[in-house]
């Protein structure tokens, strides 16, 4: 991690904490010394992630890491999501490295939608560009549990590709209906064009680049980018994924 002080509570429990910064390649080699399995979580600096990931992959190869688990995007090889391009490039780098790799292709976090609940309650409407497409999202906890299951699995994971998505798919109109049911308020879903959705997000105060990314992602969801019915995620965690109604209830509780 970039700031080891943030993990002082873990260090106190005996967890080995090492500094590793995507933008400081000199920290990566020492951080990976003696590591057998590496979880490479995609960076959050969109547009700069490929060189960051490459630095980690190169360091992992030098360190002799025996398995890399990479958090990619759902159906990254064919996804219309603009965000998927950096994942495609990273997957290509992993193939070129010849390092044993398992791909964890994550769908959308349900929290990406529950974050819009306060605005929906304020205005009585939920907006987006996904139309009537079904979205198979899952919670961060679901994805984290699946990642842990892969990393501790006794069987060899190298070469496996997991398409990870929620068991229960929903439209944004159904999301709005469930929010209405739980709050007793009438919340409707208004589908917008990608351009209009971006403009609304900018008007709400989001930076233009972030608004463009979110609007394009929602429009891609309208093309099926966030749907998968393989149930890989539920099988990995050994239980059904968190239902939408439970995720909304948790968000409402704060």
Foldseek 3Di string as FASTA:
>chain_A
DQDQVVCVVVVVVVDDDAHDDLVDLVRQLVVCAPAAEEEAEQDDPPPPRLSSLLSNLVSCLVNVHQEYEYEAAFVLVDFPQPSSPSRVSSVVSNVVSVHFYEYRHAFAALVVVLVCVVVQVVVLEAEAALPFFWAFHFHPVLSVLLVVLLVPPPDDRGPHYFRDGAQDIGGVQVLQVLSCVVPVGRHGYDHDQLVVQLVVVVVVPDPSVVSNSRSSRSNSVSVVNRDDNPCSSCVSNVHHTDDSSVVNVVSVVD
